[in-house]
Amino acid sequence: MSPGPDLIHGVAGALLFALGIHALLVRERFLRKVLGLNVSGSGVFLILVATAYREEGPPDPVPHAMVLTGLVVAVSATALALALIRRIHSVEGGHRPGEE
């Protein structure tokens, strides 16, 4: 018996979420933290898609609508975070975190 698409999407989503959280907690640079947050968000979206799967009939449309809404919010939040990173970088003069 092979795993179904819901299990494959769920496991892939959990791995992406864990990878993104790891990058968010371990990395020092702000840009890599934002990228880690985006990767973990993609994992959450995959898990939501996996929960919509049904054996018979069409998939549940509510999780798909939540994913589409989440994508719009994620793009907006990423744009705001990148603008803030750019502003911090220009104010601090381009120093890396931890440098004097």
C-alpha atoms as a PDB file:
ATOM      1  CA  MET A   1       0.000   0.000   0.000  1.00  0.00           C
ATOM      2  CA  SER A   2       1.477   3.314  -1.047  1.00  0.00           C
ATOM      3  CA  PRO A   3       0.911   6.577   0.810  1.00  0.00           C
ATOM      4  CA  GLY A   4      -1.844   8.800  -0.492  1.00  0.00           C
ATOM      5  CA  PRO A   5      -1.405  12.354  -1.736  1.00  0.00           C
ATOM      6  CA  ASP A   6      -2.734  13.745   1.537  1.00  0.00           C
ATOM      7  CA  LEU A   7       0.025  12.012   3.504  1.00  0.00           C
ATOM      8  CA  ILE A   8       2.721  13.078   1.035  1.00  0.00           C
ATOM      9  CA  HIS A   9       1.582  16.716   1.131  1.00  0.00           C
ATOM     10  CA  GLY A  10       1.261  16.624   4.916  1.00  0.00           C
ATOM     11  CA  VAL A  11       4.757  15.239   5.483  1.00  0.00           C
ATOM     12  CA  ALA A  12       6.293  17.618   2.926  1.00  0.00           C
ATOM     13  CA  GLY A  13       4.504  20.520   4.612  1.00  0.00           C
ATOM     14  CA  ALA A  14       5.738  19.480   8.046  1.00  0.00           C
ATOM     15  CA  LEU A  15       9.316  19.220   6.756  1.00  0.00           C
ATOM     16  CA  LEU A  16       9.111  22.646   5.106  1.00  0.00           C
ATOM     17  CA  PHE A  17       7.666  24.120   8.289  1.00  0.00           C
ATOM     18  CA  ALA A  18      10.476  22.626  10.402  1.00  0.00           C
ATOM     19  CA  LEU A  19      13.130  23.807   7.942  1.00  0.00           C
ATOM     20  CA  GLY A  20      11.714  27.340   7.945  1.00  0.00           C
ATOM     21  CA  ILE A  21      11.517  27.525  11.739  1.00  0.00           C
ATOM     22  CA  HIS A  22      15.103  26.266  11.957  1.00  0.00           C
ATOM     23  CA  ALA A  23      16.269  29.014   9.586  1.00  0.00           C
ATOM     24  CA  LEU A  24      14.233  31.584  11.510  1.00  0.00           C
ATOM     25  CA  LEU A  25      15.829  30.659  14.832  1.00  0.00           C
ATOM     26  CA  VAL A  26      19.409  29.910  13.755  1.00  0.00           C
ATOM     27  CA  ARG A  27      20.273  32.540  11.151  1.00  0.00           C
ATOM     28  CA  GLU A  28      21.495  35.986  12.185  1.00  0.00           C
ATOM     29  CA  ARG A  29      20.797  38.041   9.077  1.00  0.00           C
ATOM     30  CA  PHE A  30      17.339  39.534   8.739  1.00  0.00           C
ATOM     31  CA  LEU A  31      16.881  38.564   5.097  1.00  0.00           C
ATOM     32  CA  ARG A  32      17.496  34.893   5.861  1.00  0.00           C
ATOM     33  CA  LYS A  33      15.035  35.102   8.748  1.00  0.00           C
ATOM     34  CA  VAL A  34      12.375  36.455   6.388  1.00  0.00           C
ATOM     35  CA  LEU A  35      13.137  33.676   3.901  1.00  0.00           C
ATOM     36  CA  GLY A  36      12.835  31.112   6.698  1.00  0.00           C
ATOM     37  CA  LEU A  37       9.485  32.565   7.677  1.00  0.00           C
ATOM     38  CA  ASN A  38       8.311  32.302   4.061  1.00  0.00           C
ATOM     39  CA  VAL A  39       9.430  28.674   3.838  1.00  0.00           C
ATOM     40  CA  SER A  40       7.588  27.797   7.047  1.00  0.00           C
ATOM     41  CA  GLY A  41       4.496  29.554   5.701  1.00  0.00           C
ATOM     42  CA  SER A  42       4.696  27.434   2.565  1.00  0.00           C
ATOM     43  CA  GLY A  43       4.774  24.366   4.781  1.00  0.00           C
ATOM     44  CA  VAL A  44       1.618  25.496   6.541  1.00  0.00           C
ATOM     45  CA  PHE A  45      -0.061  26.035   3.178  1.00  0.00           C
ATOM     46  CA  LEU A  46       0.858  22.490   2.109  1.00  0.00           C
ATOM     47  CA  ILE A  47      -0.561  21.086   5.343  1.00  0.00           C
ATOM     48  CA  LEU A  48      -3.797  22.993   4.753  1.00  0.00           C
ATOM     49  CA  VAL A  49      -4.041  21.592   1.230  1.00  0.00           C
ATOM     50  CA  ALA A  50      -3.461  18.090   2.635  1.00  0.00           C
ATOM     51  CA  THR A  51      -6.354  18.519   5.075  1.00  0.00           C
ATOM     52  CA  ALA A  52      -8.714  19.328   2.191  1.00  0.00           C
ATOM     53  CA  TYR A  53      -8.186  15.936   0.528  1.00  0.00           C
ATOM     54  CA  ARG A  54     -11.145  13.511   0.446  1.00  0.00           C
ATOM     55  CA  GLU A  55     -11.278   9.929  -0.806  1.00  0.00           C
ATOM     56  CA  GLU A  56     -14.554  10.395  -2.673  1.00  0.00           C
ATOM     57  CA  GLY A  57     -15.757  13.602  -4.176  1.00  0.00           C
ATOM     58  CA  PRO A  58     -14.121  16.964  -4.676  1.00  0.00           C
ATOM     59  CA  PRO A  59     -11.749  18.441  -2.088  1.00  0.00           C
ATOM     60  CA  ASP A  60     -12.991  20.817   0.577  1.00  0.00           C
ATOM     61  CA  PRO A  61     -12.878  24.383  -0.852  1.00  0.00           C
ATOM     62  CA  VAL A  62     -12.472  26.177   2.501  1.00  0.00           C
ATOM     63  CA  PRO A  63      -8.790  25.249   3.085  1.00  0.00           C
ATOM     64  CA  HIS A  64      -8.009  26.216  -0.512  1.00  0.00           C
ATOM     65  CA  ALA A  65      -9.612  29.620   0.021  1.00  0.00           C
ATOM     66  CA  MET A  66      -7.604  29.999   3.235  1.00  0.00           C
ATOM     67  CA  VAL A  67      -4.395  29.195   1.354  1.00  0.00           C
ATOM     68  CA  LEU A  68      -5.152  31.786  -1.341  1.00  0.00           C
ATOM     69  CA  THR A  69      -5.870  34.409   1.306  1.00  0.00           C
ATOM     70  CA  GLY A  70      -2.723  33.393   3.171  1.00  0.00           C
ATOM     71  CA  LEU A  71      -0.632  33.794   0.034  1.00  0.00           C
ATOM     72  CA  VAL A  72      -1.835  37.377  -0.389  1.00  0.00           C
ATOM     73  CA  VAL A  73      -1.090  38.150   3.258  1.00  0.00           C
ATOM     74  CA  ALA A  74       2.325  36.456   3.033  1.00  0.00           C
ATOM     75  CA  VAL A  75       3.339  38.486  -0.021  1.00  0.00           C
ATOM     76  CA  SER A  76       2.255  41.715   1.687  1.00  0.00           C
ATOM     77  CA  ALA A  77       4.057  40.842   4.921  1.00  0.00           C
ATOM     78  CA  THR A  78       7.198  39.906   2.996  1.00  0.00           C
ATOM     79  CA  ALA A  79       7.150  43.217   1.139  1.00  0.00           C
ATOM     80  CA  LEU A  80       6.799  45.083   4.439  1.00  0.00           C
ATOM     81  CA  ALA A  81       9.606  43.055   6.027  1.00  0.00           C
ATOM     82  CA  LEU A  82      11.923  43.689   3.081  1.00  0.00           C
ATOM     83  CA  ALA A  83      11.191  47.422   3.229  1.00  0.00           C
ATOM     84  CA  LEU A  84      11.984  47.431   6.957  1.00  0.00           C
ATOM     85  CA  ILE A  85      15.203  45.478   6.389  1.00  0.00           C
ATOM     86  CA  ARG A  86      16.255  47.950   3.728  1.00  0.00           C
ATOM     87  CA  ARG A  87      15.521  50.878   6.052  1.00  0.00           C
ATOM     88  CA  ILE A  88      17.444  49.296   8.942  1.00  0.00           C
ATOM     89  CA  HIS A  89      20.335  48.574   6.594  1.00  0.00           C
ATOM     90  CA  SER A  90      20.470  52.194   5.403  1.00  0.00           C
ATOM     91  CA  VAL A  91      20.243  53.634   8.931  1.00  0.00           C
ATOM     92  CA  GLU A  92      22.882  51.336  10.422  1.00  0.00           C
ATOM     93  CA  GLY A  93      25.269  51.804   7.528  1.00  0.00           C
ATOM     94  CA  GLY A  94      25.319  48.230   6.299  1.00  0.00           C
ATOM     95  CA  HIS A  95      26.812  46.539   9.367  1.00  0.00           C
ATOM     96  CA  ARG A  96      26.126  42.890  10.001  1.00  0.00           C
ATOM     97  CA  PRO A  97      24.496  41.913  13.293  1.00  0.00           C
ATOM     98  CA  GLY A  98      27.091  41.564  16.025  1.00  0.00           C
ATOM     99  CA  GLU A  99      29.682  43.842  14.385  1.00  0.00           C
ATOM    100  CA  GLU A 100      30.838  46.996  16.111  1.00  0.00           C
END
